[in-house]
Protein backbone atom coordinates (compact mmCIF):
# COMPACT_ATOMS: atom_id res chain seq x y z
CA MET A 1 92.84 121.00 95.13
CA SER A 2 91.37 119.98 91.79
CA GLY A 3 88.85 117.50 93.17
CA LYS A 4 89.63 115.14 90.28
CA PRO A 5 89.65 111.50 91.44
CA VAL A 6 92.96 109.68 91.25
CA ASP A 7 92.91 106.54 89.12
CA ARG A 8 93.99 103.43 90.99
CA PHE A 9 94.95 100.13 89.39
CA ALA A 10 95.65 96.63 90.69
CA VAL A 11 99.18 95.44 89.93
CA VAL A 12 100.30 91.81 90.31
CA ILE A 13 104.02 91.05 90.58
CA GLU A 14 104.85 87.68 89.01
CA PRO A 15 106.13 85.07 89.61
CA HIS A 16 105.32 85.86 93.25
CA GLY A 17 101.60 86.60 92.88
CA TRP A 18 101.92 89.68 95.11
CA GLN A 19 99.32 92.38 94.49
CA PHE A 20 99.28 96.08 95.28
CA GLU A 21 97.36 99.17 94.27
CA ALA A 22 99.12 101.72 92.07
CA ARG A 23 98.04 105.28 91.43
CA GLY A 24 97.93 106.70 87.93
CA GLY A 25 100.61 109.35 87.45
CA VAL A 26 102.89 107.78 90.10
CA SER A 27 105.78 105.50 89.14
CA LEU A 28 105.30 101.79 89.68
CA VAL A 29 108.46 101.73 91.81
CA GLU A 30 107.01 104.37 94.14
CA SER A 31 103.57 102.74 94.34
CA ALA A 32 105.13 99.33 95.01
CA ARG A 33 107.34 100.74 97.77
CA THR A 34 104.35 102.44 99.40
CA ALA A 35 102.59 99.05 99.44
CA GLY A 36 105.59 97.24 100.95
CA TYR A 37 107.24 95.81 97.83
CA VAL A 38 110.64 96.65 96.38
CA LEU A 39 111.31 96.60 92.65
CA PRO A 40 115.08 96.76 92.07
CA THR A 41 116.13 100.28 91.15
CA SER A 42 119.14 102.55 91.14
CA CYS A 43 118.89 105.79 89.16
CA ARG A 44 115.09 106.23 89.29
CA ASN A 45 115.22 108.27 86.07
CA GLY A 46 115.05 105.61 83.35
CA THR A 47 118.71 105.35 82.40
CA CYS A 48 120.41 102.62 84.47
CA ARG A 49 117.89 99.86 83.59
CA ALA A 50 118.24 98.19 87.02
CA CYS A 51 114.44 98.06 87.30
CA LEU A 52 113.82 96.54 83.84
CA CYS A 53 110.84 94.19 83.90
CA ARG A 54 108.15 92.95 81.52
CA VAL A 55 104.43 93.65 81.28
CA LEU A 56 102.48 90.40 80.97
CA ALA A 57 99.06 92.09 80.88
CA GLY A 58 97.87 95.70 80.85
CA THR A 59 99.37 98.99 79.69
CA VAL A 60 101.66 101.63 81.12
CA ARG A 61 102.74 105.12 80.13
CA HIS A 62 106.33 106.19 80.61
CA LEU A 63 106.70 109.50 82.45
CA ILE A 64 109.66 110.52 80.29
CA GLU A 65 109.72 110.92 76.52
CA TRP A 66 112.37 108.32 75.76
CA PRO A 67 113.06 105.73 78.45
CA GLY A 68 116.24 103.67 78.04
CA LEU A 69 114.59 100.85 76.08
CA SER A 70 115.34 99.57 72.60
CA ALA A 71 112.54 99.21 70.06
CA GLU A 72 112.85 95.42 70.39
CA GLU A 73 112.53 95.59 74.18
CA LYS A 74 109.41 97.73 73.84
CA ARG A 75 107.90 95.19 71.43
CA GLU A 76 108.65 92.44 73.96
CA GLY A 77 106.74 94.36 76.65
CA CYS A 78 109.73 95.57 78.64
CA ILE A 79 109.25 98.63 80.82
CA LEU A 80 111.24 100.69 83.29
CA PRO A 81 108.92 100.88 86.32
CA CYS A 82 110.90 103.73 87.87
CA VAL A 83 109.48 105.98 85.13
CA ALA A 84 106.31 104.06 84.20
CA THR A 85 102.80 104.65 85.51
CA PRO A 86 99.81 102.34 85.01
CA GLU A 87 97.01 103.12 82.59
CA THR A 88 95.15 99.87 83.36
CA ALA A 89 95.39 96.99 85.81
CA LEU A 90 98.76 95.26 85.32
CA ARG A 91 100.54 91.98 85.65
CA ILE A 92 104.32 92.44 85.56
CA GLU A 93 107.16 89.94 85.56
CA ALA A 94 109.71 91.05 88.14
CA PRO A 95 111.36 87.97 89.71
CA ALA A 96 113.91 90.08 91.62
CA ALA A 97 111.19 91.99 93.50
CA THR A 98 111.19 91.64 97.27
CA ARG A 99 108.84 92.39 100.12
CA THR A 100 109.53 94.78 102.96
CA PHE A 101 108.28 94.05 106.41
CA VAL A 102 107.06 96.85 108.61
CA ASN A 103 106.77 96.38 112.35
CA SER A 104 103.02 96.34 112.86
CA LEU A 105 103.17 96.40 116.66
CA PRO A 106 101.47 99.41 118.24
CA ASN A 107 103.69 102.15 119.58
CA PRO A 108 103.91 102.10 123.40
């Protein structure tokens, strides 16, 4: 174990106003799912574009060299959260995001 602290960043999903904590180095899709939110996805490798959303504030780093985004989409702030990890706190526009509900009742 390296002992290096893991960076954590607040992420807000608009237009819902939902907030979760994302870990640096982990895809936004994975961090959202861990927190109980679902960002639409299919391939999870940056090619199908099902998860396409837009960054309204903050910065991300894509985990692959060339995600399936055009230069214009990148200029407009589009990202593929299945292969993007936060570098700062974020506000993303993902209207198709949903919440998952976990049974919080204690086990008998």
